[in-house]
Amino acid sequence: MRIMSKKQNERKYLLKESEISLVIDSYDDIFSDFDPRPYSQRSLSQDFLDEAKRASHDKKYEKIELKFLAPKQIRNAGEEAMIRKRLKEHFRKHAQEMRREHMRMIKEGIFFVLLGFIFMAGTTYFLLNKQNSILFTFLSVFLEPGGWFLLWEGLYLIIFDSRREIPYLDFYRKMASADISFKNY
């Protein structure tokens, strides 16, 4: 009987926690049925992406393993290398797009908050200025609700909308750094 060291047990646990295994009957299971292009350019199947998202959701480690379990008779090393490359390209591209979108949303929220403060500062100036002109009254009536709207909309973008993107960003980041392999079943 072999006794495992603490380090070996930890490694086994990490491998178990970082592994995603998906059974495929053919390589076409990974790609869209409606896309006739070769594997190097073909769109990924929405079913595959949904299943990968679901399987990776519980994975806490940045470095995960994505294993495709395929029948031995269909395996082809050349096609597997091309598929591996296509998957990496897809996940990297979408991780970058999601990162850019997330940052754009936060920057837009910050801009709205700052603009809201500027509007409210303008309103305060017009209200404290004791001139009772129609222009100052109009500007204060116009700027006050605009300032509040921009402030709350910006905070909503920063706090809530940007958080909705985080699971997608995490998924694509995990998958972009995943070790992809094919095994017989």
Protein backbone atom coordinates (compact mmCIF):
# COMPACT_ATOMS: atom_id res chain seq x y z
CA MET A 1 0.00 0.00 0.00
CA ARG A 2 1.35 3.38 -1.00
CA ILE A 3 0.99 6.24 1.44
CA MET A 4 0.55 9.63 -0.19
CA SER A 5 2.35 12.59 1.22
CA LYS A 6 0.48 15.76 2.15
CA LYS A 7 1.85 17.45 -1.00
CA GLN A 8 0.61 14.60 -3.21
CA ASN A 9 -2.84 14.73 -1.62
CA GLU A 10 -2.95 18.48 -2.15
CA ARG A 11 -1.91 18.08 -5.80
CA LYS A 12 -4.56 15.40 -6.36
CA TYR A 13 -7.18 17.70 -4.81
CA LEU A 14 -6.10 20.65 -6.97
CA LEU A 15 -6.22 18.51 -10.11
CA LYS A 16 -9.69 17.28 -9.21
CA GLU A 17 -10.86 20.82 -8.49
CA SER A 18 -9.31 22.24 -11.65
CA GLU A 19 -10.50 19.62 -14.11
CA ILE A 20 -13.39 19.92 -16.54
CA SER A 21 -14.12 16.74 -18.48
CA LEU A 22 -16.55 16.78 -21.37
CA VAL A 23 -17.53 13.70 -23.38
CA ILE A 24 -17.77 14.22 -27.13
CA ASP A 25 -18.80 11.78 -29.84
CA SER A 26 -17.02 13.75 -32.54
CA TYR A 27 -15.07 16.99 -32.84
CA ASP A 28 -18.20 18.55 -34.34
CA ASP A 29 -19.77 18.53 -30.85
CA ILE A 30 -17.47 21.45 -29.97
CA PHE A 31 -18.50 23.56 -32.96
CA SER A 32 -21.68 25.06 -34.35
CA ASP A 33 -23.68 22.74 -36.61
CA PHE A 34 -24.55 25.68 -38.84
CA ASP A 35 -20.97 26.71 -39.61
CA PRO A 36 -19.43 24.73 -42.51
CA ARG A 37 -15.95 26.28 -42.24
CA PRO A 38 -12.89 24.27 -41.19
CA TYR A 39 -12.11 23.84 -37.48
CA SER A 40 -9.52 26.63 -37.60
CA GLN A 41 -12.24 29.22 -38.35
CA ARG A 42 -15.44 27.61 -37.18
CA SER A 43 -17.75 29.11 -34.53
CA LEU A 44 -18.03 27.31 -31.23
CA SER A 45 -21.26 25.54 -30.31
CA GLN A 46 -23.48 27.41 -27.88
CA ASP A 47 -24.17 24.09 -26.13
CA PHE A 48 -20.43 23.56 -25.63
CA LEU A 49 -19.98 27.11 -24.30
CA ASP A 50 -22.94 26.76 -21.93
CA GLU A 51 -21.66 23.44 -20.60
CA ALA A 52 -18.13 24.81 -20.19
CA LYS A 53 -19.50 27.84 -18.29
CA ARG A 54 -21.54 25.62 -16.03
CA ALA A 55 -18.62 23.26 -15.39
CA SER A 56 -16.09 26.05 -14.78
CA HIS A 57 -18.36 28.03 -12.47
CA ASP A 58 -17.35 26.00 -9.41
CA LYS A 59 -13.66 25.95 -10.30
CA LYS A 60 -11.77 28.29 -8.04
CA TYR A 61 -8.35 27.94 -9.55
CA GLU A 62 -7.08 30.10 -12.36
CA LYS A 63 -5.32 27.21 -14.04
CA ILE A 64 -7.91 24.65 -15.03
CA GLU A 65 -7.74 21.61 -17.25
CA LEU A 66 -10.28 21.14 -20.01
CA LYS A 67 -10.35 17.50 -21.09
CA PHE A 68 -12.32 16.22 -24.03
CA LEU A 69 -13.07 12.52 -23.74
CA ALA A 70 -13.48 11.11 -27.25
CA PRO A 71 -13.74 7.62 -28.78
CA LYS A 72 -10.33 6.30 -29.73
CA GLN A 73 -11.33 5.64 -33.36
CA ILE A 74 -12.14 9.30 -34.10
CA ARG A 75 -9.02 10.82 -32.54
CA ASN A 76 -6.72 12.73 -34.88
CA ALA A 77 -3.67 14.53 -33.46
CA GLY A 78 -3.60 17.14 -36.27
CA GLU A 79 -7.24 18.10 -35.85
CA GLU A 80 -6.87 18.16 -32.07
CA ALA A 81 -3.95 20.60 -32.33
CA MET A 82 -6.02 22.84 -34.63
CA ILE A 83 -9.04 22.65 -32.32
CA ARG A 84 -6.87 23.44 -29.29
CA LYS A 85 -5.48 26.49 -31.10
CA ARG A 86 -8.98 27.62 -32.18
CA LEU A 87 -10.33 27.30 -28.64
CA LYS A 88 -7.40 29.28 -27.19
CA GLU A 89 -7.89 32.03 -29.79
CA HIS A 90 -11.62 32.19 -29.11
CA PHE A 91 -11.25 32.38 -25.33
CA ARG A 92 -8.39 34.91 -25.44
CA LYS A 93 -10.30 37.15 -27.85
CA HIS A 94 -13.45 37.09 -25.73
CA ALA A 95 -11.50 37.57 -22.48
CA GLN A 96 -9.93 40.72 -23.97
CA GLU A 97 -13.31 41.95 -25.24
CA MET A 98 -14.95 41.34 -21.86
CA ARG A 99 -12.10 43.10 -20.04
CA ARG A 100 -12.41 46.11 -22.36
CA GLU A 101 -16.20 46.18 -21.95
CA HIS A 102 -15.89 45.95 -18.16
CA MET A 103 -13.38 48.82 -18.05
CA ARG A 104 -15.47 50.89 -20.48
CA MET A 105 -18.49 50.47 -18.22
CA ILE A 106 -16.55 51.55 -15.13
CA LYS A 107 -15.00 54.54 -16.93
CA GLU A 108 -18.42 55.59 -18.24
CA GLY A 109 -19.83 55.30 -14.71
CA ILE A 110 -17.02 57.44 -13.29
CA PHE A 111 -17.58 60.02 -16.03
CA PHE A 112 -21.32 60.15 -15.23
CA VAL A 113 -20.64 60.55 -11.49
CA LEU A 114 -18.18 63.39 -12.09
CA LEU A 115 -20.52 65.10 -14.55
CA GLY A 116 -23.36 64.74 -12.01
CA PHE A 117 -21.21 66.43 -9.36
CA ILE A 118 -20.40 69.24 -11.78
CA PHE A 119 -24.10 69.73 -12.55
CA MET A 120 -24.96 69.79 -8.85
CA ALA A 121 -22.12 72.22 -8.13
CA GLY A 122 -23.50 74.45 -10.87
CA THR A 123 -26.95 74.24 -9.34
CA THR A 124 -25.53 75.14 -5.93
CA TYR A 125 -23.72 78.13 -7.43
CA PHE A 126 -26.88 79.38 -9.14
CA LEU A 127 -28.99 78.93 -5.99
CA LEU A 128 -26.44 80.70 -3.78
CA ASN A 129 -26.00 83.55 -6.23
CA LYS A 130 -28.69 85.97 -5.18
CA GLN A 131 -29.44 87.17 -8.70
CA ASN A 132 -33.05 86.42 -9.50
CA SER A 133 -32.61 86.25 -13.23
CA ILE A 134 -34.66 83.93 -15.36
CA LEU A 135 -31.46 82.39 -16.79
CA PHE A 136 -30.09 81.41 -13.35
CA THR A 137 -33.47 80.01 -12.32
CA PHE A 138 -33.73 78.00 -15.55
CA LEU A 139 -30.19 76.66 -15.21
CA SER A 140 -30.73 75.58 -11.61
CA VAL A 141 -34.03 73.86 -12.52
CA PHE A 142 -32.34 72.16 -15.47
CA LEU A 143 -29.06 71.14 -13.79
CA GLU A 144 -30.37 69.79 -10.49
CA PRO A 145 -32.33 66.76 -11.80
CA GLY A 146 -29.67 66.18 -14.46
CA GLY A 147 -26.98 66.09 -11.78
CA TRP A 148 -28.91 63.62 -9.65
CA PHE A 149 -29.69 61.44 -12.66
CA LEU A 150 -26.06 61.35 -13.82
CA LEU A 151 -24.80 60.65 -10.30
CA TRP A 152 -27.15 57.71 -9.70
CA GLU A 153 -26.80 56.33 -13.22
CA GLY A 154 -23.00 56.44 -12.92
CA LEU A 155 -23.08 54.70 -9.54
CA TYR A 156 -25.44 52.07 -11.00
CA LEU A 157 -23.02 51.41 -13.86
CA ILE A 158 -20.05 51.11 -11.51
CA ILE A 159 -21.69 49.04 -8.79
CA PHE A 160 -24.31 46.88 -10.49
CA ASP A 161 -23.85 46.72 -14.27
CA SER A 162 -20.11 46.12 -14.09
CA ARG A 163 -20.67 43.27 -11.59
CA ARG A 164 -22.93 41.47 -14.05
CA GLU A 165 -20.00 41.17 -16.43
CA ILE A 166 -17.64 39.60 -13.89
CA PRO A 167 -18.84 35.97 -14.24
CA TYR A 168 -18.37 36.13 -18.01
CA LEU A 169 -14.99 37.79 -17.62
CA ASP A 170 -13.92 35.12 -15.13
CA PHE A 171 -15.11 32.34 -17.43
CA TYR A 172 -13.21 33.59 -20.46
CA ARG A 173 -10.11 34.35 -18.39
CA LYS A 174 -10.13 30.83 -16.90
CA MET A 175 -10.69 29.20 -20.27
CA ALA A 176 -8.03 31.32 -22.00
CA SER A 177 -5.43 29.97 -19.58
CA ALA A 178 -6.82 26.41 -19.49
CA ASP A 179 -4.78 23.38 -20.44
CA ILE A 180 -6.78 21.68 -23.18
CA SER A 181 -6.30 17.99 -23.84
CA PHE A 182 -8.00 15.09 -25.55
CA LYS A 183 -8.23 11.64 -24.00
CA ASN A 184 -9.70 8.29 -25.03
CA TYR A 185 -12.81 6.99 -23.37
